[in-house]
C-alpha atoms as a PDB file:
ATOM      1  CA  MET A   1      92.601  86.437  84.145  1.00  0.00           C
ATOM      2  CA  ILE A   2      95.518  85.227  82.063  1.00  0.00           C
ATOM      3  CA  ASN A   3      96.448  87.580  79.242  1.00  0.00           C
ATOM      4  CA  PRO A   4      99.126  85.985  77.053  1.00  0.00           C
ATOM      5  CA  SER A   5     100.943  88.220  74.599  1.00  0.00           C
ATOM      6  CA  LEU A   6     101.020  87.355  70.915  1.00  0.00           C
ATOM      7  CA  ASP A   7     104.813  87.695  70.918  1.00  0.00           C
ATOM      8  CA  GLU A   8     105.203  85.569  74.054  1.00  0.00           C
ATOM      9  CA  PRO A   9     107.435  82.474  73.771  1.00  0.00           C
ATOM     10  CA  PRO A  10     105.554  79.167  73.388  1.00  0.00           C
ATOM     11  CA  TYR A  11     106.726  77.870  76.782  1.00  0.00           C
ATOM     12  CA  ALA A  12     105.150  80.812  78.688  1.00  0.00           C
ATOM     13  CA  ASP A  13     101.594  79.477  78.532  1.00  0.00           C
ATOM     14  CA  TYR A  14     102.795  75.989  79.498  1.00  0.00           C
ATOM     15  CA  ILE A  15     104.553  77.325  82.618  1.00  0.00           C
ATOM     16  CA  ARG A  16     101.737  79.758  83.504  1.00  0.00           C
ATOM     17  CA  SER A  17      99.130  76.983  83.296  1.00  0.00           C
ATOM     18  CA  ARG A  18     100.973  75.048  85.988  1.00  0.00           C
ATOM     19  CA  ILE A  19     101.130  77.885  88.524  1.00  0.00           C
ATOM     20  CA  ARG A  20      98.477  77.688  91.214  1.00  0.00           C
ATOM     21  CA  THR A  21      96.617  80.848  92.229  1.00  0.00           C
ATOM     22  CA  VAL A  22      95.703  81.020  95.920  1.00  0.00           C
ATOM     23  CA  PRO A  23      93.197  83.820  96.616  1.00  0.00           C
ATOM     24  CA  ASN A  24      93.424  85.927  99.774  1.00  0.00           C
ATOM     25  CA  TRP A  25      96.837  84.656 100.879  1.00  0.00           C
ATOM     26  CA  PRO A  26      98.778  85.776 102.866  1.00  0.00           C
ATOM     27  CA  GLN A  27      96.090  88.408 103.383  1.00  0.00           C
ATOM     28  CA  ALA A  28      92.706  89.394 101.960  1.00  0.00           C
ATOM     29  CA  GLY A  29      92.823  90.750  98.431  1.00  0.00           C
ATOM     30  CA  VAL A  30      96.157  89.162  97.474  1.00  0.00           C
ATOM     31  CA  MET A  31      96.169  86.618  94.648  1.00  0.00           C
ATOM     32  CA  PHE A  32      99.224  84.514  95.537  1.00  0.00           C
ATOM     33  CA  ARG A  33     100.949  82.835  92.578  1.00  0.00           C
ATOM     34  CA  ASP A  34     102.196  79.517  93.939  1.00  0.00           C
ATOM     35  CA  ILE A  35     105.091  77.994  91.993  1.00  0.00           C
ATOM     36  CA  THR A  36     105.232  74.738  93.975  1.00  0.00           C
ATOM     37  CA  PRO A  37     103.263  72.805  91.306  1.00  0.00           C
ATOM     38  CA  LEU A  38     106.045  73.732  88.832  1.00  0.00           C
ATOM     39  CA  LEU A  39     108.575  72.136  91.123  1.00  0.00           C
ATOM     40  CA  GLN A  40     106.550  69.016  91.949  1.00  0.00           C
ATOM     41  CA  ASP A  41     106.184  67.812  88.377  1.00  0.00           C
ATOM     42  CA  LYS A  42     109.485  66.465  87.015  1.00  0.00           C
ATOM     43  CA  LYS A  43     108.772  67.420  83.400  1.00  0.00           C
ATOM     44  CA  THR A  44     107.631  70.941  84.219  1.00  0.00           C
ATOM     45  CA  PHE A  45     110.565  71.519  86.573  1.00  0.00           C
ATOM     46  CA  ARG A  46     112.983  70.362  83.843  1.00  0.00           C
ATOM     47  CA  VAL A  47     111.371  72.655  81.246  1.00  0.00           C
ATOM     48  CA  LEU A  48     111.556  75.589  83.670  1.00  0.00           C
ATOM     49  CA  VAL A  49     115.223  75.034  84.527  1.00  0.00           C
ATOM     50  CA  ASP A  50     116.105  74.518  80.862  1.00  0.00           C
ATOM     51  CA  ILE A  51     114.505  77.861  79.922  1.00  0.00           C
ATOM     52  CA  PHE A  52     116.961  79.631  82.220  1.00  0.00           C
ATOM     53  CA  VAL A  53     119.968  77.443  81.392  1.00  0.00           C
ATOM     54  CA  HIS A  54     119.557  77.955  77.641  1.00  0.00           C
ATOM     55  CA  ARG A  55     119.105  81.701  78.088  1.00  0.00           C
ATOM     56  CA  TYR A  56     122.255  82.151  80.180  1.00  0.00           C
ATOM     57  CA  MET A  57     124.657  79.411  79.071  1.00  0.00           C
ATOM     58  CA  ASP A  58     126.673  81.745  76.790  1.00  0.00           C
ATOM     59  CA  GLN A  59     126.606  84.859  78.991  1.00  0.00           C
ATOM     60  CA  GLN A  60     130.029  84.359  80.644  1.00  0.00           C
ATOM     61  CA  LEU A  61     128.518  84.656  84.108  1.00  0.00           C
ATOM     62  CA  ASP A  62     130.561  84.254  87.278  1.00  0.00           C
ATOM     63  CA  VAL A  63     127.828  83.489  89.798  1.00  0.00           C
ATOM     64  CA  VAL A  64     124.071  83.111  90.247  1.00  0.00           C
ATOM     65  CA  ALA A  65     122.430  84.943  93.161  1.00  0.00           C
ATOM     66  CA  GLY A  66     119.040  83.786  94.450  1.00  0.00           C
ATOM     67  CA  VAL A  67     116.620  85.673  96.664  1.00  0.00           C
ATOM     68  CA  ASP A  68     115.271  84.049  99.858  1.00  0.00           C
ATOM     69  CA  ALA A  69     113.465  81.722  99.709  1.00  0.00           C
ATOM     70  CA  ARG A  70     111.932  80.587  96.430  1.00  0.00           C
ATOM     71  CA  GLY A  71     114.748  82.188  94.432  1.00  0.00           C
ATOM     72  CA  PHE A  72     117.067  79.686  96.150  1.00  0.00           C
ATOM     73  CA  ILE A  73     115.269  76.738  94.595  1.00  0.00           C
ATOM     74  CA  LEU A  74     115.605  77.831  90.993  1.00  0.00           C
ATOM     75  CA  GLY A  75     118.820  79.808  91.413  1.00  0.00           C
ATOM     76  CA  ALA A  76     120.795  76.943  92.945  1.00  0.00           C
ATOM     77  CA  VAL A  77     119.719  74.488  90.241  1.00  0.00           C
ATOM     78  CA  VAL A  78     120.490  76.971  87.451  1.00  0.00           C
ATOM     79  CA  ALA A  79     123.906  77.721  89.006  1.00  0.00           C
ATOM     80  CA  TYR A  80     124.658  73.999  89.146  1.00  0.00           C
ATOM     81  CA  GLU A  81     123.599  73.451  85.536  1.00  0.00           C
ATOM     82  CA  LEU A  82     125.737  76.428  84.397  1.00  0.00           C
ATOM     83  CA  ASN A  83     128.700  75.189  86.478  1.00  0.00           C
ATOM     84  CA  LEU A  84     128.680  78.378  88.571  1.00  0.00           C
ATOM     85  CA  GLY A  85     128.679  79.208  92.251  1.00  0.00           C
ATOM     86  CA  PHE A  86     125.520  80.253  94.067  1.00  0.00           C
ATOM     87  CA  VAL A  87     125.074  83.281  96.343  1.00  0.00           C
ATOM     88  CA  PRO A  88     122.107  83.403  98.732  1.00  0.00           C
ATOM     89  CA  ILE A  89     120.456  86.748  99.412  1.00  0.00           C
ATOM     90  CA  ARG A  90     118.694  86.156 102.707  1.00  0.00           C
ATOM     91  CA  LYS A  91     116.092  87.710 104.928  1.00  0.00           C
ATOM     92  CA  LYS A  92     117.545  89.764 107.779  1.00  0.00           C
ATOM     93  CA  GLY A  93     119.333  87.832 110.505  1.00  0.00           C
ATOM     94  CA  LYS A  94     119.853  84.569 108.603  1.00  0.00           C
ATOM     95  CA  LEU A  95     123.480  84.930 107.454  1.00  0.00           C
ATOM     96  CA  PRO A  96     126.251  84.110 109.966  1.00  0.00           C
ATOM     97  CA  PHE A  97     129.131  86.268 108.659  1.00  0.00           C
ATOM     98  CA  ASP A  98     129.693  89.990 107.950  1.00  0.00           C
ATOM     99  CA  THR A  99     126.701  91.272 105.985  1.00  0.00           C
ATOM    100  CA  ILE A 100     125.351  94.319 104.236  1.00  0.00           C
ATOM    101  CA  SER A 101     121.617  94.958 104.220  1.00  0.00           C
ATOM    102  CA  GLU A 102     118.930  96.765 102.257  1.00  0.00           C
ATOM    103  CA  GLU A 103     115.366  97.545 103.339  1.00  0.00           C
ATOM    104  CA  TYR A 104     112.544  97.564 100.776  1.00  0.00           C
ATOM    105  CA  GLU A 105     108.770  97.623 100.406  1.00  0.00           C
ATOM    106  CA  LEU A 106     106.692  94.553  99.573  1.00  0.00           C
ATOM    107  CA  GLU A 107     103.217  94.303  98.084  1.00  0.00           C
ATOM    108  CA  TYR A 108     101.880  93.901 101.629  1.00  0.00           C
ATOM    109  CA  GLY A 109     104.544  95.258 104.021  1.00  0.00           C
ATOM    110  CA  SER A 110     108.289  95.901 104.249  1.00  0.00           C
ATOM    111  CA  ALA A 111     111.350  93.711 104.733  1.00  0.00           C
ATOM    112  CA  THR A 112     115.149  93.669 104.738  1.00  0.00           C
ATOM    113  CA  VAL A 113     117.499  91.446 102.760  1.00  0.00           C
ATOM    114  CA  GLU A 114     121.143  90.759 103.489  1.00  0.00           C
ATOM    115  CA  LEU A 115     124.187  89.525 101.633  1.00  0.00           C
ATOM    116  CA  HIS A 116     127.564  88.360 102.899  1.00  0.00           C
ATOM    117  CA  ALA A 117     130.013  91.206 102.331  1.00  0.00           C
ATOM    118  CA  ASP A 118     132.358  88.786 100.540  1.00  0.00           C
ATOM    119  CA  ALA A 119     129.693  87.023  98.438  1.00  0.00           C
ATOM    120  CA  CYS A 120     131.143  88.233  95.124  1.00  0.00           C
ATOM    121  CA  LYS A 121     134.296  89.839  93.843  1.00  0.00           C
ATOM    122  CA  ALA A 122     134.308  93.308  92.287  1.00  0.00           C
ATOM    123  CA  GLY A 123     133.483  92.944  88.610  1.00  0.00           C
ATOM    124  CA  ASP A 124     131.751  89.565  88.919  1.00  0.00           C
ATOM    125  CA  ARG A 125     129.010  89.064  86.330  1.00  0.00           C
ATOM    126  CA  VAL A 126     125.899  87.995  88.255  1.00  0.00           C
ATOM    127  CA  LEU A 127     122.534  86.559  87.286  1.00  0.00           C
ATOM    128  CA  LEU A 128     119.952  87.475  89.939  1.00  0.00           C
ATOM    129  CA  ILE A 129     116.988  85.069  90.284  1.00  0.00           C
ATOM    130  CA  ASP A 130     113.728  85.172  92.224  1.00  0.00           C
ATOM    131  CA  ASP A 131     110.381  83.438  91.763  1.00  0.00           C
ATOM    132  CA  LEU A 132     108.332  86.509  90.813  1.00  0.00           C
ATOM    133  CA  VAL A 133     108.312  90.260  90.400  1.00  0.00           C
ATOM    134  CA  ALA A 134     105.415  92.004  92.173  1.00  0.00           C
ATOM    135  CA  THR A 135     106.223  95.532  93.376  1.00  0.00           C
ATOM    136  CA  GLY A 136     109.891  95.139  92.405  1.00  0.00           C
ATOM    137  CA  GLY A 137     111.215  95.975  95.867  1.00  0.00           C
ATOM    138  CA  THR A 138     112.869  92.634  96.533  1.00  0.00           C
ATOM    139  CA  MET A 139     114.591  92.466  93.148  1.00  0.00           C
ATOM    140  CA  ILE A 140     115.815  96.063  93.341  1.00  0.00           C
ATOM    141  CA  ALA A 141     117.069  95.634  96.926  1.00  0.00           C
ATOM    142  CA  ALA A 142     118.920  92.436  95.970  1.00  0.00           C
ATOM    143  CA  ALA A 143     120.485  94.105  92.922  1.00  0.00           C
ATOM    144  CA  ASN A 144     121.521  97.082  95.061  1.00  0.00           C
ATOM    145  CA  LEU A 145     123.281  94.756  97.498  1.00  0.00           C
ATOM    146  CA  LEU A 146     125.212  93.082  94.695  1.00  0.00           C
ATOM    147  CA  LYS A 147     126.178  96.435  93.193  1.00  0.00           C
ATOM    148  CA  ARG A 148     127.350  97.711  96.578  1.00  0.00           C
ATOM    149  CA  ILE A 149     129.978  94.952  96.735  1.00  0.00           C
ATOM    150  CA  GLY A 150     131.082  95.697  93.179  1.00  0.00           C
ATOM    151  CA  ALA A 151     129.264  92.980  91.235  1.00  0.00           C
ATOM    152  CA  ASN A 152     127.636  93.611  87.855  1.00  0.00           C
ATOM    153  CA  VAL A 153     124.055  92.385  87.674  1.00  0.00           C
ATOM    154  CA  ILE A 154     123.900  91.220  84.068  1.00  0.00           C
ATOM    155  CA  GLU A 155     120.193  90.448  84.307  1.00  0.00           C
ATOM    156  CA  ALA A 156     117.492  89.859  86.878  1.00  0.00           C
ATOM    157  CA  ALA A 157     115.219  86.913  86.143  1.00  0.00           C
ATOM    158  CA  ALA A 158     112.003  85.510  87.549  1.00  0.00           C
ATOM    159  CA  ILE A 159     109.407  82.939  86.649  1.00  0.00           C
ATOM    160  CA  VAL A 160     106.415  85.283  87.009  1.00  0.00           C
ATOM    161  CA  ASP A 161     105.792  88.973  86.364  1.00  0.00           C
ATOM    162  CA  LEU A 162     102.741  90.613  87.938  1.00  0.00           C
ATOM    163  CA  PRO A 163     102.685  93.666  85.628  1.00  0.00           C
ATOM    164  CA  GLU A 164      99.686  95.350  87.242  1.00  0.00           C
ATOM    165  CA  LEU A 165     101.736  95.882  90.414  1.00  0.00           C
ATOM    166  CA  GLY A 166     104.333  97.865  88.455  1.00  0.00           C
ATOM    167  CA  GLY A 167     107.416  96.109  89.781  1.00  0.00           C
ATOM    168  CA  SER A 168     108.866  95.062  86.449  1.00  0.00           C
ATOM    169  CA  GLN A 169     108.738  98.663  85.249  1.00  0.00           C
ATOM    170  CA  LEU A 170     110.458  99.861  88.439  1.00  0.00           C
ATOM    171  CA  VAL A 171     113.186  97.253  88.009  1.00  0.00           C
ATOM    172  CA  LYS A 172     113.787  98.373  84.419  1.00  0.00           C
ATOM    173  CA  GLN A 173     113.792 102.041  85.510  1.00  0.00           C
ATOM    174  CA  GLN A 174     116.746 101.151  87.756  1.00  0.00           C
ATOM    175  CA  ASP A 175     118.653 100.084  84.605  1.00  0.00           C
ATOM    176  CA  ILE A 176     118.374  96.437  85.556  1.00  0.00           C
ATOM    177  CA  LYS A 177     117.659  94.154  82.608  1.00  0.00           C
ATOM    178  CA  LEU A 178     114.756  91.847  83.453  1.00  0.00           C
ATOM    179  CA  PHE A 179     113.660  88.508  82.042  1.00  0.00           C
ATOM    180  CA  THR A 180     110.479  86.743  83.120  1.00  0.00           C
ATOM    181  CA  VAL A 181     109.098  83.460  81.818  1.00  0.00           C
ATOM    182  CA  CYS A 182     105.430  84.457  81.968  1.00  0.00           C
ATOM    183  CA  ASP A 183     103.116  87.092  83.378  1.00  0.00           C
ATOM    184  CA  PHE A 184      99.714  87.290  84.983  1.00  0.00           C
ATOM    185  CA  SER A 185      97.271  90.102  84.319  1.00  0.00           C
ATOM    186  CA  GLY A 186      94.015  90.653  86.153  1.00  0.00           C
ATOM    187  CA  HIS A 187      95.417  90.668  89.683  1.00  0.00           C
END
């Protein structure tokens, strides 16, 4: 069930209507929010990227960090459009140089993310991007990695918030500002 807010921006319903819901994937009971239709349509992809570019163009950011794997898609394009570098935050074992790691809980399991130890300089202003916020574990772990190397996470951003899973509240409780384009209720 989609539950748009009255104070929601006009683009939220447009973006939400183009996200595919796949029931019982990757396991029974999970309603997977598939963003690939957003990326396949040139107009929708442009609108999505522009939402982020317009939000962050005057924020004096130094770098955009994207979370493996769907955060790479949006994060790299936004970094390019903002004329910034891009930092990948990868799943364990995927980065070839000296890394730091953080373990976290997912909606349906646990995982570890890693970051190159030299990915940012101390004091860098970072925008952290992923595709969605479910339980908040991935976003918090990624922000913790960036903070551990001295970066300042100016804001975490995602396309989708799944508020019933409580992740967005957990992210905010960690004093991480959070922006999401749209949310889904009725998980």
